[in-house]
Structure formats: C-alpha cells, structure tokens
Amino acid sequence: MRRLTHMLFVCSLASSALIGGFAHADEQVNAEASRLMLARQAQDSYERGVSLTDLDPEESTLAFSRSADGWRRIITSGVENGRLWTNLGNAELGAGRLGHAIQAFLEADRLLP
C-alpha cells in the first residue's frame, strides 16, 4: 500500500510540474502577444505622428507621445535592446522631449554593437 501511495504521489507531482510548465509557457506566449500588439500600436502612432507633422503639429506631438509611451512600456516589461531604445528616442524626439530622446539614444548606443 505504501508503494502505491508513493507511486501516486510521484505521478501527481510529475503531472503538476508538467501542467505548471505549460501554464508558464502559456503566460510567456500571452506576454509576447501583448508586447507585439504594443509594438504595432507604438509604430502606428509614430507613423501617424510623421504624417501629421505639417498638417496638425499638435496632434502629431500627441501621436509621438503615445508612440513613446508604447515603446517605454515594452522596455519596462523586460524586453531591452538597442532597436527598442532607438524607436523610443525617435518617438521622444518627435514629441519634443529632447532630454528623454537623448537618454534613449545613449542607451541604444550602449546596447548596439
């Protein structure tokens, strides 16, 4: 009886580990999908800012600001590379936040080979 109890315990422990592993993998997939959606929105906002630069400077600045917010959210979520920091720097520059743009460009320079 002890052997059967031990086997059941080992089986339940193994299945819990597998299920936990799948749940963790599922969370990673969801996080990646969320980051991808944020990146698309940030890029769309950036492109909108560029297209409105001459037509509506105020709306253009707001679009660049939304873009910068999106890139920053991706970076703070744990993804960090030079390209993201460059995107953030460009968006901050378009939003008129020169200090933030310089900081982002310096970070991009540090991360890019």
Protein backbone atom coordinates (compact mmCIF):
# COMPACT_ATOMS: atom_id res chain seq x y z
CA MET A 1 0.00 0.00 0.00
CA ARG A 2 2.84 2.38 0.80
CA ARG A 3 4.37 1.70 -2.59
CA LEU A 4 1.06 2.52 -4.32
CA THR A 5 0.74 5.74 -2.32
CA HIS A 6 4.31 6.66 -3.21
CA MET A 7 3.68 5.99 -6.92
CA LEU A 8 0.51 8.09 -6.87
CA PHE A 9 2.38 10.91 -5.16
CA VAL A 10 5.19 10.79 -7.73
CA CYS A 11 2.70 10.74 -10.62
CA SER A 12 0.73 13.67 -9.24
CA LEU A 13 3.94 15.61 -8.63
CA ALA A 14 5.12 14.96 -12.19
CA SER A 15 1.77 15.95 -13.68
CA SER A 16 1.72 19.13 -11.58
CA ALA A 17 5.17 20.03 -12.86
CA LEU A 18 4.07 19.45 -16.44
CA ILE A 19 0.88 21.45 -16.04
CA GLY A 20 2.80 24.22 -14.29
CA GLY A 21 5.31 24.24 -17.12
CA PHE A 22 2.52 24.53 -19.68
CA ALA A 23 0.90 27.32 -17.71
CA HIS A 24 4.22 29.16 -17.57
CA ALA A 25 4.74 28.70 -21.31
CA ASP A 26 1.19 29.94 -21.91
CA GLU A 27 1.92 33.07 -19.86
CA GLN A 28 5.04 33.70 -21.94
CA VAL A 29 3.07 33.38 -25.17
CA ASN A 30 0.47 35.83 -23.86
CA ALA A 31 3.17 38.28 -22.77
CA GLU A 32 4.82 38.09 -26.20
CA ALA A 33 1.49 38.66 -27.94
CA SER A 34 0.83 41.65 -25.70
CA ARG A 35 4.26 43.12 -26.45
CA LEU A 36 3.77 42.57 -30.17
CA MET A 37 0.43 44.38 -30.02
CA LEU A 38 2.06 47.25 -28.09
CA ALA A 39 4.84 47.46 -30.68
CA ARG A 40 2.35 47.63 -33.53
CA GLN A 41 0.40 50.36 -31.77
CA ALA A 42 3.58 52.30 -30.98
CA GLN A 43 4.72 52.03 -34.60
CA ASP A 44 1.30 53.08 -35.91
CA SER A 45 1.31 56.09 -33.58
CA TYR A 46 4.80 57.01 -34.75
CA GLU A 47 3.76 56.82 -38.41
CA ARG A 48 0.68 58.90 -37.63
CA GLY A 49 2.90 61.49 -35.97
CA VAL A 50 5.11 61.66 -39.04
CA SER A 51 2.13 62.02 -41.38
CA LEU A 52 0.62 64.84 -39.28
CA THR A 53 3.82 66.81 -38.74
CA ASP A 54 2.93 69.51 -41.27
CA LEU A 55 -0.87 69.14 -41.22
CA ASP A 56 -1.56 69.21 -37.49
CA PRO A 57 1.56 69.72 -35.35
CA GLU A 58 -0.34 69.45 -32.07
CA GLU A 59 -1.91 66.09 -32.97
CA SER A 60 1.45 64.97 -34.34
CA THR A 61 3.11 65.65 -30.99
CA LEU A 62 0.38 63.66 -29.21
CA ALA A 63 0.85 60.73 -31.59
CA PHE A 64 4.62 60.76 -30.99
CA SER A 65 3.96 60.85 -27.25
CA ARG A 66 1.66 57.80 -27.50
CA SER A 67 4.34 56.04 -29.51
CA ALA A 68 7.00 56.81 -26.89
CA ASP A 69 4.70 55.54 -24.14
CA GLY A 70 4.23 52.27 -26.01
CA TRP A 71 7.96 51.73 -26.58
CA ARG A 72 8.66 52.54 -22.94
CA ARG A 73 6.03 50.02 -21.76
CA ILE A 74 7.68 47.30 -23.83
CA ILE A 75 11.08 48.14 -22.38
CA THR A 76 9.78 48.18 -18.81
CA SER A 77 8.11 44.81 -19.41
CA GLY A 78 11.57 43.28 -19.60
CA VAL A 79 12.48 43.44 -23.28
CA GLU A 80 15.51 45.59 -23.85
CA ASN A 81 17.57 46.04 -26.98
CA GLY A 82 19.12 48.85 -28.95
CA ARG A 83 16.40 48.96 -31.57
CA LEU A 84 13.67 49.48 -28.99
CA TRP A 85 15.67 52.28 -27.39
CA THR A 86 16.21 53.86 -30.82
CA ASN A 87 12.48 53.71 -31.51
CA LEU A 88 11.84 55.29 -28.12
CA GLY A 89 14.40 58.02 -28.84
CA ASN A 90 12.82 58.84 -32.20
CA ALA A 91 9.35 59.00 -30.67
CA GLU A 92 10.55 61.17 -27.77
CA LEU A 93 12.24 63.50 -30.25
CA GLY A 94 9.02 63.80 -32.26
CA ALA A 95 7.14 64.53 -29.03
CA GLY A 96 9.53 67.37 -28.31
CA ARG A 97 11.09 65.76 -25.25
CA LEU A 98 14.73 66.29 -26.15
CA GLY A 99 16.20 65.17 -22.82
CA HIS A 100 14.32 61.88 -22.92
CA ALA A 101 15.29 61.39 -26.56
CA ILE A 102 18.99 61.88 -25.79
CA GLN A 103 18.79 59.47 -22.86
CA ALA A 104 17.13 56.83 -25.08
CA PHE A 105 19.68 57.31 -27.87
CA LEU A 106 22.55 56.94 -25.40
CA GLU A 107 21.04 53.71 -24.10
CA ALA A 108 20.59 52.47 -27.68
CA ASP A 109 24.21 53.28 -28.40
CA ARG A 110 25.31 51.33 -25.33
CA LEU A 111 23.32 48.25 -26.38
CA LEU A 112 24.11 48.22 -30.09
CA PRO A 113 27.47 46.78 -31.08
